[in-house]
Protein backbone atom coordinates (compact mmCIF):
# COMPACT_ATOMS: atom_id res chain seq x y z
CA UNK A 1 -2.80 23.30 88.52
CA UNK A 2 -5.78 21.06 89.39
CA UNK A 3 -7.92 19.80 86.49
CA UNK A 4 -11.11 21.58 85.82
CA UNK A 5 -13.88 20.13 88.00
CA UNK A 6 -17.63 20.73 87.90
CA UNK A 7 -18.75 23.74 89.89
CA UNK A 8 -21.30 23.16 92.67
CA UNK A 9 -23.94 24.77 90.50
CA UNK A 10 -23.16 22.62 87.52
CA UNK A 11 -23.12 19.47 89.61
CA UNK A 12 -26.50 20.35 91.11
CA UNK A 13 -27.89 20.86 87.58
CA UNK A 14 -26.49 17.54 86.33
CA UNK A 15 -27.83 15.53 89.31
CA UNK A 16 -31.20 17.35 89.10
CA UNK A 17 -31.54 16.31 85.41
CA UNK A 18 -30.55 12.73 86.13
CA UNK A 19 -33.11 12.55 88.90
CA UNK A 20 -35.84 14.08 86.75
CA UNK A 21 -35.09 11.50 84.06
CA UNK A 22 -35.32 8.68 86.57
CA UNK A 23 -31.71 7.65 86.03
CA UNK A 24 -30.20 8.41 89.48
CA UNK A 25 -31.91 8.24 92.82
CA UNK A 26 -30.61 8.86 96.33
CA UNK A 27 -29.26 5.63 97.78
CA UNK A 28 -30.63 4.24 100.99
CA UNK A 29 -27.02 3.99 102.22
CA UNK A 30 -26.74 7.77 102.29
CA UNK A 31 -25.97 9.47 105.56
CA UNK A 32 -29.17 10.80 107.13
CA UNK A 33 -27.55 14.20 107.59
CA UNK A 34 -27.37 14.48 103.80
CA UNK A 35 -31.17 14.79 103.60
CA UNK A 36 -33.18 17.92 104.47
CA UNK A 37 -36.88 18.58 104.72
CA UNK A 38 -38.59 21.68 103.54
CA UNK A 39 -41.37 22.03 106.11
CA UNK A 40 -43.36 24.38 103.93
CA UNK A 41 -43.54 22.02 100.89
CA UNK A 42 -42.58 18.71 102.53
CA UNK A 43 -39.97 18.31 99.79
CA UNK A 44 -36.96 16.22 100.61
CA UNK A 45 -33.59 17.20 99.14
CA UNK A 46 -30.21 15.54 99.29
CA UNK A 47 -26.71 17.09 99.57
CA UNK A 48 -24.94 15.79 96.48
CA UNK A 49 -21.59 15.69 98.32
CA UNK A 50 -22.73 14.09 101.57
CA UNK A 51 -25.22 11.65 99.97
CA UNK A 52 -24.89 8.61 97.79
CA UNK A 53 -26.56 7.84 94.55
CA UNK A 54 -27.62 4.75 92.72
CA UNK A 55 -28.98 3.82 89.29
CA UNK A 56 -32.82 3.78 89.23
CA UNK A 57 -33.26 0.86 86.82
CA UNK A 58 -35.02 -1.12 89.50
CA UNK A 59 -37.62 1.83 89.92
CA UNK A 60 -38.20 2.69 86.35
CA UNK A 61 -37.83 -0.83 84.90
CA UNK A 62 -35.20 0.21 82.41
CA UNK A 63 -32.13 -1.86 81.83
CA UNK A 64 -28.60 -0.60 82.21
CA UNK A 65 -28.25 -0.50 78.38
CA UNK A 66 -31.40 1.63 78.13
CA UNK A 67 -30.08 4.03 80.77
CA UNK A 68 -26.72 4.42 79.00
CA UNK A 69 -28.54 4.93 75.69
CA UNK A 70 -30.43 7.78 77.18
CA UNK A 71 -27.22 9.35 78.70
CA UNK A 72 -25.49 9.24 75.40
CA UNK A 73 -28.58 10.65 73.61
CA UNK A 74 -28.20 13.66 75.95
CA UNK A 75 -24.71 14.15 74.58
CA UNK A 76 -25.76 13.60 70.97
CA UNK A 77 -28.55 16.11 71.15
CA UNK A 78 -27.25 18.69 73.65
CA UNK A 79 -28.94 21.94 74.44
CA UNK A 80 -27.09 24.70 72.44
CA UNK A 81 -27.12 27.34 75.25
CA UNK A 82 -26.01 24.79 77.85
CA UNK A 83 -23.10 23.80 75.53
CA UNK A 84 -22.23 27.51 75.21
CA UNK A 85 -21.92 27.99 78.89
CA UNK A 86 -19.82 24.88 79.17
CA UNK A 87 -17.60 25.99 76.24
CA UNK A 88 -16.77 29.31 77.96
CA UNK A 89 -15.94 27.52 81.20
CA UNK A 90 -13.65 25.05 79.44
CA UNK A 91 -12.13 27.66 77.07
CA UNK A 92 -11.01 30.00 79.88
CA UNK A 93 -9.72 27.15 82.07
CA UNK A 94 -7.63 25.80 79.16
CA UNK A 95 -6.26 29.35 78.54
CA UNK A 96 -5.53 29.68 82.27
CA UNK A 97 -3.67 26.40 82.28
CA UNK A 98 -1.62 27.33 79.24
CA UNK A 99 -0.93 30.84 80.64
CA UNK A 100 0.47 29.25 83.92
CA UNK A 101 2.64 26.84 81.84
CA UNK A 102 4.13 29.78 79.92
CA UNK A 103 4.58 31.86 82.97
CA UNK A 104 6.57 28.99 84.56
CA UNK A 105 8.52 28.59 81.40
CA UNK A 106 10.04 32.06 81.77
CA UNK A 107 10.42 31.55 85.50
CA UNK A 108 8.31 34.55 86.55
CA UNK A 109 7.91 34.58 90.29
CA UNK A 110 4.64 36.38 90.88
CA UNK A 111 2.23 33.65 92.24
CA UNK A 112 -1.03 35.56 91.62
CA UNK A 113 -0.23 36.84 88.08
CA UNK A 114 -3.44 35.24 86.60
CA UNK A 115 -5.45 38.12 87.97
CA UNK A 116 -9.09 39.11 87.44
CA UNK A 117 -7.90 41.64 84.78
CA UNK A 118 -6.01 38.90 82.89
CA UNK A 119 -9.01 36.64 83.17
CA UNK A 120 -11.29 39.36 81.87
CA UNK A 121 -9.11 40.15 78.92
CA UNK A 122 -9.14 36.51 77.90
CA UNK A 123 -12.89 36.17 78.42
CA UNK A 124 -13.47 39.28 76.30
CA UNK A 125 -11.68 37.82 73.31
CA UNK A 126 -13.03 34.27 73.53
CA UNK A 127 -16.13 35.62 71.73
CA UNK A 128 -14.04 36.31 68.62
CA UNK A 129 -11.26 33.68 68.94
CA UNK A 130 -10.97 30.00 69.42
CA UNK A 131 -9.14 28.43 72.25
CA UNK A 132 -6.18 27.64 69.99
CA UNK A 133 -6.09 31.24 68.79
CA UNK A 134 -6.12 32.56 72.35
CA UNK A 135 -3.17 30.22 73.16
CA UNK A 136 -1.27 32.01 70.35
CA UNK A 137 -2.13 35.43 71.96
CA UNK A 138 -1.09 34.21 75.40
CA UNK A 139 2.18 32.81 74.10
CA UNK A 140 3.38 35.96 72.37
CA UNK A 141 2.01 38.20 75.18
CA UNK A 142 4.05 36.39 77.79
CA UNK A 143 7.08 36.18 75.49
CA UNK A 144 7.01 39.94 74.86
CA UNK A 145 6.93 40.66 78.69
CA UNK A 146 9.83 38.23 79.16
CA UNK A 147 11.84 40.23 76.73
CA UNK A 148 11.02 43.45 78.66
CA UNK A 149 12.15 41.76 81.81
CA UNK A 150 15.52 40.99 80.20
CA UNK A 151 16.06 44.63 79.26
CA UNK A 152 15.80 45.64 82.89
CA UNK A 153 14.00 48.88 82.21
CA UNK A 154 10.85 48.10 84.07
CA UNK A 155 10.16 46.70 87.62
CA UNK A 156 8.57 43.25 87.80
CA UNK A 157 5.28 44.67 89.11
CA UNK A 158 5.10 47.15 86.28
CA UNK A 159 5.56 44.33 83.84
CA UNK A 160 2.87 42.28 85.50
CA UNK A 161 0.52 45.23 85.29
CA UNK A 162 1.11 45.50 81.53
CA UNK A 163 -0.13 41.97 80.79
CA UNK A 164 -3.88 42.53 80.43
CA UNK A 165 -3.25 45.46 78.14
CA UNK A 166 -0.73 43.44 76.14
CA UNK A 167 -3.35 40.80 75.54
CA UNK A 168 -5.87 43.29 74.32
CA UNK A 169 -3.48 45.11 72.08
CA UNK A 170 -2.19 41.84 70.52
CA UNK A 171 -5.75 40.84 69.47
CA UNK A 172 -7.03 44.32 68.62
CA UNK A 173 -4.05 45.04 66.42
CA UNK A 174 -4.40 41.86 64.42
CA UNK A 175 -8.20 42.20 64.09
CA UNK A 176 -8.00 45.87 63.00
CA UNK A 177 -5.35 45.03 60.36
CA UNK A 178 -7.18 41.91 59.03
CA UNK A 179 -4.39 39.64 60.16
CA UNK A 180 -5.08 36.06 61.05
CA UNK A 181 -4.20 34.52 64.41
CA UNK A 182 -2.83 31.00 63.73
CA UNK A 183 -4.17 28.59 66.31
CA UNK A 184 -1.98 26.48 68.45
CA UNK A 185 -2.63 22.74 68.37
CA UNK A 186 -4.76 21.03 70.99
CA UNK A 187 -2.80 19.38 73.81
CA UNK A 188 -2.94 15.59 74.06
CA UNK A 189 -6.00 14.17 75.82
CA UNK A 190 -3.81 13.30 78.77
CA UNK A 191 -2.80 16.92 79.20
CA UNK A 192 -6.32 18.34 78.89
CA UNK A 193 -8.90 18.11 81.61
CA UNK A 194 -11.52 15.37 81.45
CA UNK A 195 -14.29 17.99 80.93
CA UNK A 196 -12.38 19.45 77.96
CA UNK A 197 -12.18 16.00 76.36
CA UNK A 198 -15.86 15.37 76.90
CA UNK A 199 -16.87 18.73 75.40
CA UNK A 200 -14.58 18.64 72.40
CA UNK A 201 -14.83 14.98 71.46
CA UNK A 202 -18.11 13.66 72.73
CA UNK A 203 -20.45 16.70 72.56
CA UNK A 204 -18.89 18.83 69.69
CA UNK A 205 -17.76 15.72 67.74
CA UNK A 206 -14.63 17.38 66.36
CA UNK A 207 -12.12 17.75 69.14
CA UNK A 208 -8.98 19.07 67.45
CA UNK A 209 -10.86 21.13 64.88
CA UNK A 210 -13.15 22.67 67.47
CA UNK A 211 -10.12 23.52 69.65
CA UNK A 212 -8.50 25.40 66.75
CA UNK A 213 -11.50 26.94 65.02
CA UNK A 214 -14.59 27.16 67.12
CA UNK A 215 -15.13 30.70 68.56
CA UNK A 216 -17.48 31.49 71.49
CA UNK A 217 -19.87 33.54 69.44
CA UNK A 218 -20.44 30.58 67.04
CA UNK A 219 -20.97 27.75 69.66
CA UNK A 220 -24.85 27.96 69.71
CA UNK A 221 -25.10 28.04 65.86
CA UNK A 222 -22.58 25.21 65.58
CA UNK A 223 -24.49 23.00 68.00
CA UNK A 224 -27.82 23.77 66.36
CA UNK A 225 -26.22 22.71 63.00
CA UNK A 226 -24.60 19.65 64.59
CA UNK A 227 -27.82 18.12 65.90
CA UNK A 228 -29.66 18.48 62.52
CA UNK A 229 -26.96 16.71 60.44
CA UNK A 230 -25.45 13.19 60.26
CA UNK A 231 -22.75 12.92 62.95
CA UNK A 232 -20.15 11.65 60.59
CA UNK A 233 -20.19 14.81 58.35
CA UNK A 234 -21.67 17.64 60.42
CA UNK A 235 -18.44 19.07 61.74
CA UNK A 236 -16.61 18.61 58.49
CA UNK A 237 -19.25 20.53 56.47
CA UNK A 238 -19.47 23.27 59.22
CA UNK A 239 -15.71 23.96 59.20
CA UNK A 240 -15.11 23.43 55.45
CA UNK A 241 -15.71 27.11 54.75
CA UNK A 242 -13.79 28.39 57.75
CA UNK A 243 -10.06 28.79 56.99
CA UNK A 244 -7.54 27.88 59.71
CA UNK A 245 -6.53 30.88 61.83
CA UNK A 246 -9.49 33.05 60.86
CA UNK A 247 -10.25 35.39 63.71
CA UNK A 248 -12.34 38.26 62.23
CA UNK A 249 -14.51 40.74 63.95
C-alpha cells in the first residue's frame, strides 16, 4: 500500500497558507500553463502540481532562519480543529494499513475487502478509541474470521460480509461490559507514513503515547491543552490520569 499522501484539498490549504504568510511564492520558472486568470476579479492562481514554488525571503526580507522559525511555530501552536481533521485522516489510514497487513497474513484473497462498510465501522469507533486500540480490534476481528474460514461452514463472501459487524460487536461488547481495549504498540517510524510521524511526534509531541491513548473525541481538548503548557511536560501531565487501554464511552 502507498504511504498516506496529502489530498489535493489539504495541499491547496497548505500552499495557500504559506503564500498568505509570505513564505512561498510561485516561481518564475513555472510553466505558463500552470497559471490561470479570473477575468472577473483579475486574480491569478497557480496549479500547485503544474507550477513551481520558491521561498519568498527575497520579497519579504526575512532570512531562511526566520522562515523556518515561522514554520515550526505553526507546528508548535497548531489550530486544534485542523489537527483534529488531520488526526482522523491519519488514524483511519493507519488502521487501513494494519488491516491490510493482517488480511495478507491470513492469506485472504478478496482484493477489495477494505470496503466502505469496513471503513465506516472503523471511523465510527475512532471517536471512542485510539489508533492503537483500533489495531487491537482489527487484529481480533480478522483473526476470528480466519477461524471461521478454517471451519468451512461459511462461504468466503459470507465471511467477508461479516467483517463490519464483527468490528462493531467487538467494540460494543467491551464498552458495554466496562472492559478495556489494550492498545497495540506504534509501528517503527520507518513503517509509518511520513504524515503519521509529523502528526504524532512534531505536532502532538508524544508520538508513542498519542498512538496508544489519544482518542478522536479528545484531540481538540488535548491540542488546546498542549499549546498552553510547557512542551516538555504538557503531554506527560495530560496522559498521567489516563490509564493504558482505557476506552470508555
